[in-house]
Every structure is written in structure tokens, then in C-alpha cells.
Amino acid sequence: MEDFYRRNFQVMHKDEGNILPALVIRDINGDGDGREEMIVCGINNEYRGGCLIVFDTGKISGSSPQSGEFACEGLGAGSELYYVTVPYTDVSEAMGNRVDGLRYIGITENKWIRVTAGTDLIYEFEFDLKCVQIS
């Protein structure tokens, strides 16, 4: 697992000033290139839910795929390899949460990406970001 899981750190999101959990993992997409990819989780304000983003660490630029009032003026399209959103839920609304972002990120022993939402829902994804379990 140590070879696979490189390091865990936090990323400062420029526009909102939020601290986002992130992991850097070697060859997440399994293409054998040996490059490191960064996985970041956070909040998608436009959809009021969480987001999970994968970047090639050699090229990180641009903005998230937002529209309308949430678009980042002056920034080009993001360089992310993957960008997945999870929905704002009825549980979030009942709890009085305006948004329900993803707060924690980790890798399971079976090498799934595990993220936890503000409502404590747990989402697990394969490395192609196919959601395989919600609990």
C-alpha cells in the first residue's frame, strides 16, 4: 500500500479560500505511464453537492466546469482528467445545510476511492470514478 498511496495533503482553493482534502497517487488511471495523479474532493457550489476531481500533476490549470453566476471569469477550461459531482440530498436539506460537499478522502484496501459527504454519506469509487457503493 505504501508504494501505491504516495501522500495526503490539503489544497487551497483560490476563489473560495477553502481548504480541500487531496491525495497524490501514482498511476491512478492504470495506463502504466507511472505519472502521479492528484485526487481532490470539495464542493460544487452550482449544484450544491460534492465534487471529486482528478488531475495529472504535470498539468493543473483552469477552472471547474461551472456556468452562469458560478463561472470563473477570466479562467480557461480546467485541465482535470475527471470531474464528478454527487447530489445535494434531502438529508442535507433536512439538516439545514445550504451545500453538501465532500470532506474526507481516502483509499480503501481494495483500492477504491472513499469520500465522505457533510451528511456522513460515504461514496466509494473505482479509479475510473465509477461509483460502486454508497452507504
C-alpha atoms as a PDB file:
ATOM      1  CA  MET A   1       0.000   0.000   0.000  1.00  0.00           C
ATOM      2  CA  GLU A   2       2.874   2.455   0.654  1.00  0.00           C
ATOM      3  CA  ASP A   3       4.024   2.267  -2.981  1.00  0.00           C
ATOM      4  CA  PHE A   4       0.534   2.999  -4.120  1.00  0.00           C
ATOM      5  CA  TYR A   5      -0.506   5.694  -1.662  1.00  0.00           C
ATOM      6  CA  ARG A   6       2.023   8.486  -2.010  1.00  0.00           C
ATOM      7  CA  ARG A   7       0.952  11.354   0.179  1.00  0.00           C
ATOM      8  CA  ASN A   8      -2.028  13.038   1.730  1.00  0.00           C
ATOM      9  CA  PHE A   9      -2.219  16.820   1.915  1.00  0.00           C
ATOM     10  CA  GLN A  10      -4.517  19.769   1.547  1.00  0.00           C
ATOM     11  CA  VAL A  11      -5.031  22.136  -1.384  1.00  0.00           C
ATOM     12  CA  MET A  12      -6.055  25.787  -1.076  1.00  0.00           C
ATOM     13  CA  HIS A  13      -8.875  26.621  -3.483  1.00  0.00           C
ATOM     14  CA  LYS A  14      -8.032  30.069  -4.832  1.00  0.00           C
ATOM     15  CA  ASP A  15     -11.507  31.550  -5.403  1.00  0.00           C
ATOM     16  CA  GLU A  16     -13.277  30.452  -2.244  1.00  0.00           C
ATOM     17  CA  GLY A  17     -10.328  30.182   0.147  1.00  0.00           C
ATOM     18  CA  ASN A  18     -11.479  26.708   1.172  1.00  0.00           C
ATOM     19  CA  ILE A  19      -9.029  24.025   2.240  1.00  0.00           C
ATOM     20  CA  LEU A  20      -9.742  20.896   0.211  1.00  0.00           C
ATOM     21  CA  PRO A  21      -8.595  17.362   1.079  1.00  0.00           C
ATOM     22  CA  ALA A  22      -6.346  15.835  -1.596  1.00  0.00           C
ATOM     23  CA  LEU A  23      -4.273  12.736  -2.304  1.00  0.00           C
ATOM     24  CA  VAL A  24      -1.485  12.191  -4.807  1.00  0.00           C
ATOM     25  CA  ILE A  25      -1.373   8.673  -6.219  1.00  0.00           C
ATOM     26  CA  ARG A  26       0.925   7.113  -8.785  1.00  0.00           C
ATOM     27  CA  ASP A  27      -0.830   5.940 -11.973  1.00  0.00           C
ATOM     28  CA  ILE A  28      -4.435   6.171 -10.782  1.00  0.00           C
ATOM     29  CA  ASN A  29      -5.820   5.675 -14.266  1.00  0.00           C
ATOM     30  CA  GLY A  30      -3.863   2.442 -14.751  1.00  0.00           C
ATOM     31  CA  ASP A  31      -2.419   3.442 -18.101  1.00  0.00           C
ATOM     32  CA  GLY A  32       1.072   2.407 -16.980  1.00  0.00           C
ATOM     33  CA  ASP A  33       2.646   5.827 -17.518  1.00  0.00           C
ATOM     34  CA  GLY A  34       3.865   5.944 -13.897  1.00  0.00           C
ATOM     35  CA  ARG A  35       2.790   9.580 -13.510  1.00  0.00           C
ATOM     36  CA  GLU A  36       1.225  10.885 -10.359  1.00  0.00           C
ATOM     37  CA  GLU A  37      -2.381  11.992 -10.353  1.00  0.00           C
ATOM     38  CA  MET A  38      -3.993  14.208  -7.728  1.00  0.00           C
ATOM     39  CA  ILE A  39      -7.461  13.470  -6.365  1.00  0.00           C
ATOM     40  CA  VAL A  40      -9.260  16.416  -4.764  1.00  0.00           C
ATOM     41  CA  CYS A  41     -12.690  16.488  -3.161  1.00  0.00           C
ATOM     42  CA  GLY A  42     -14.773  19.515  -2.281  1.00  0.00           C
ATOM     43  CA  ILE A  43     -17.960  21.434  -3.020  1.00  0.00           C
ATOM     44  CA  ASN A  44     -19.589  22.264  -6.341  1.00  0.00           C
ATOM     45  CA  ASN A  45     -21.498  25.448  -5.454  1.00  0.00           C
ATOM     46  CA  GLU A  46     -23.588  25.434  -8.624  1.00  0.00           C
ATOM     47  CA  TYR A  47     -25.072  22.004  -7.875  1.00  0.00           C
ATOM     48  CA  ARG A  48     -24.822  22.412  -4.062  1.00  0.00           C
ATOM     49  CA  GLY A  49     -23.282  18.945  -3.807  1.00  0.00           C
ATOM     50  CA  GLY A  50     -19.860  17.409  -3.581  1.00  0.00           C
ATOM     51  CA  CYS A  51     -17.276  17.040  -6.306  1.00  0.00           C
ATOM     52  CA  LEU A  52     -14.402  14.646  -6.889  1.00  0.00           C
ATOM     53  CA  ILE A  53     -11.686  15.769  -9.286  1.00  0.00           C
ATOM     54  CA  VAL A  54      -8.629  14.000 -10.726  1.00  0.00           C
ATOM     55  CA  PHE A  55      -5.676  15.930 -12.188  1.00  0.00           C
ATOM     56  CA  ASP A  56      -2.436  14.932 -13.850  1.00  0.00           C
ATOM     57  CA  THR A  57       0.083  16.599 -11.508  1.00  0.00           C
ATOM     58  CA  GLY A  58       2.077  17.758 -14.544  1.00  0.00           C
ATOM     59  CA  LYS A  59      -0.762  19.992 -15.695  1.00  0.00           C
ATOM     60  CA  ILE A  60      -3.146  21.663 -13.261  1.00  0.00           C
ATOM     61  CA  SER A  61      -4.860  24.778 -14.563  1.00  0.00           C
ATOM     62  CA  GLY A  62      -8.165  26.440 -15.343  1.00  0.00           C
ATOM     63  CA  SER A  63     -11.491  26.359 -13.562  1.00  0.00           C
ATOM     64  CA  SER A  64     -14.173  23.853 -12.692  1.00  0.00           C
ATOM     65  CA  PRO A  65     -16.941  23.270 -15.239  1.00  0.00           C
ATOM     66  CA  GLN A  66     -19.382  25.887 -13.915  1.00  0.00           C
ATOM     67  CA  SER A  67     -21.925  28.062 -15.680  1.00  0.00           C
ATOM     68  CA  GLY A  68     -23.870  31.261 -15.088  1.00  0.00           C
ATOM     69  CA  GLU A  69     -23.053  33.140 -11.883  1.00  0.00           C
ATOM     70  CA  PHE A  70     -20.724  30.316 -10.805  1.00  0.00           C
ATOM     71  CA  ALA A  71     -18.421  30.519 -13.833  1.00  0.00           C
ATOM     72  CA  CYS A  72     -14.891  31.702 -13.055  1.00  0.00           C
ATOM     73  CA  GLU A  73     -14.403  34.720 -15.305  1.00  0.00           C
ATOM     74  CA  GLY A  74     -11.009  35.006 -16.935  1.00  0.00           C
ATOM     75  CA  LEU A  75     -10.005  31.369 -16.430  1.00  0.00           C
ATOM     76  CA  GLY A  76      -9.937  28.813 -19.175  1.00  0.00           C
ATOM     77  CA  ALA A  77     -11.374  25.336 -19.057  1.00  0.00           C
ATOM     78  CA  GLY A  78      -9.984  23.123 -16.330  1.00  0.00           C
ATOM     79  CA  SER A  79      -7.299  20.565 -17.060  1.00  0.00           C
ATOM     80  CA  GLU A  80      -8.909  17.867 -14.925  1.00  0.00           C
ATOM     81  CA  LEU A  81      -8.878  14.290 -16.173  1.00  0.00           C
ATOM     82  CA  TYR A  82     -12.160  13.560 -14.392  1.00  0.00           C
ATOM     83  CA  TYR A  83     -14.763  15.724 -12.647  1.00  0.00           C
ATOM     84  CA  VAL A  84     -17.665  14.015 -10.884  1.00  0.00           C
ATOM     85  CA  THR A  85     -20.418  15.584  -8.804  1.00  0.00           C
ATOM     86  CA  VAL A  86     -22.565  13.951  -6.145  1.00  0.00           C
ATOM     87  CA  PRO A  87     -26.028  15.374  -5.492  1.00  0.00           C
ATOM     88  CA  TYR A  88     -27.380  17.653  -2.837  1.00  0.00           C
ATOM     89  CA  THR A  89     -29.675  15.368  -0.841  1.00  0.00           C
ATOM     90  CA  ASP A  90     -32.938  15.570   1.077  1.00  0.00           C
ATOM     91  CA  VAL A  91     -30.903  14.731   4.177  1.00  0.00           C
ATOM     92  CA  SER A  92     -28.779  17.848   3.580  1.00  0.00           C
ATOM     93  CA  GLU A  93     -31.897  19.951   3.281  1.00  0.00           C
ATOM     94  CA  ALA A  94     -33.448  18.442   6.444  1.00  0.00           C
ATOM     95  CA  MET A  95     -30.216  19.196   8.324  1.00  0.00           C
ATOM     96  CA  GLY A  96     -30.374  22.820   7.144  1.00  0.00           C
ATOM     97  CA  ASN A  97     -27.185  22.581   5.070  1.00  0.00           C
ATOM     98  CA  ARG A  98     -27.013  25.034   2.159  1.00  0.00           C
ATOM     99  CA  VAL A  99     -24.496  22.783   0.392  1.00  0.00           C
ATOM    100  CA  ASP A 100     -23.282  19.244   0.994  1.00  0.00           C
ATOM    101  CA  GLY A 101     -19.682  18.929  -0.086  1.00  0.00           C
ATOM    102  CA  LEU A 102     -17.227  16.070   0.201  1.00  0.00           C
ATOM    103  CA  ARG A 103     -14.996  16.477   3.270  1.00  0.00           C
ATOM    104  CA  TYR A 104     -12.751  13.432   3.667  1.00  0.00           C
ATOM    105  CA  ILE A 105     -10.919  11.329   1.118  1.00  0.00           C
ATOM    106  CA  GLY A 106      -9.013   8.072   1.381  1.00  0.00           C
ATOM    107  CA  ILE A 107      -8.187   4.838  -0.374  1.00  0.00           C
ATOM    108  CA  THR A 108      -9.701   1.548   0.779  1.00  0.00           C
ATOM    109  CA  GLU A 109      -7.767  -1.720   0.995  1.00  0.00           C
ATOM    110  CA  ASN A 110      -9.448  -2.872  -2.228  1.00  0.00           C
ATOM    111  CA  LYS A 111      -8.155   0.334  -3.865  1.00  0.00           C
ATOM    112  CA  TRP A 112     -11.399   2.259  -4.121  1.00  0.00           C
ATOM    113  CA  ILE A 113     -11.545   5.989  -3.550  1.00  0.00           C
ATOM    114  CA  ARG A 114     -13.675   6.664  -0.451  1.00  0.00           C
ATOM    115  CA  VAL A 115     -15.112  10.133   0.186  1.00  0.00           C
ATOM    116  CA  THR A 116     -17.418  11.311   2.937  1.00  0.00           C
ATOM    117  CA  ALA A 117     -20.082  13.971   2.486  1.00  0.00           C
ATOM    118  CA  GLY A 118     -21.151  16.515   5.084  1.00  0.00           C
ATOM    119  CA  THR A 119     -24.172  14.349   5.891  1.00  0.00           C
ATOM    120  CA  ASP A 120     -21.784  11.439   6.613  1.00  0.00           C
ATOM    121  CA  LEU A 121     -22.859   9.582   3.469  1.00  0.00           C
ATOM    122  CA  ILE A 122     -19.893   7.575   2.185  1.00  0.00           C
ATOM    123  CA  TYR A 123     -19.306   7.258  -1.550  1.00  0.00           C
ATOM    124  CA  GLU A 124     -16.838   4.737  -2.964  1.00  0.00           C
ATOM    125  CA  PHE A 125     -15.460   4.950  -6.493  1.00  0.00           C
ATOM    126  CA  GLU A 126     -13.227   2.843  -8.690  1.00  0.00           C
ATOM    127  CA  PHE A 127     -10.277   4.711 -10.183  1.00  0.00           C
ATOM    128  CA  ASP A 128     -12.225   5.450 -13.369  1.00  0.00           C
ATOM    129  CA  LEU A 129     -14.630   7.267 -10.960  1.00  0.00           C
ATOM    130  CA  LYS A 130     -17.440   4.782 -11.460  1.00  0.00           C
ATOM    131  CA  CYS A 131     -19.445   4.905  -8.213  1.00  0.00           C
ATOM    132  CA  VAL A 132     -19.546   1.384  -6.794  1.00  0.00           C
ATOM    133  CA  GLN A 133     -21.075   1.915  -3.354  1.00  0.00           C
ATOM    134  CA  ILE A 134     -22.962   4.461  -1.261  1.00  0.00           C
ATOM    135  CA  SER A 135     -23.515   3.855   2.419  1.00  0.00           C
END
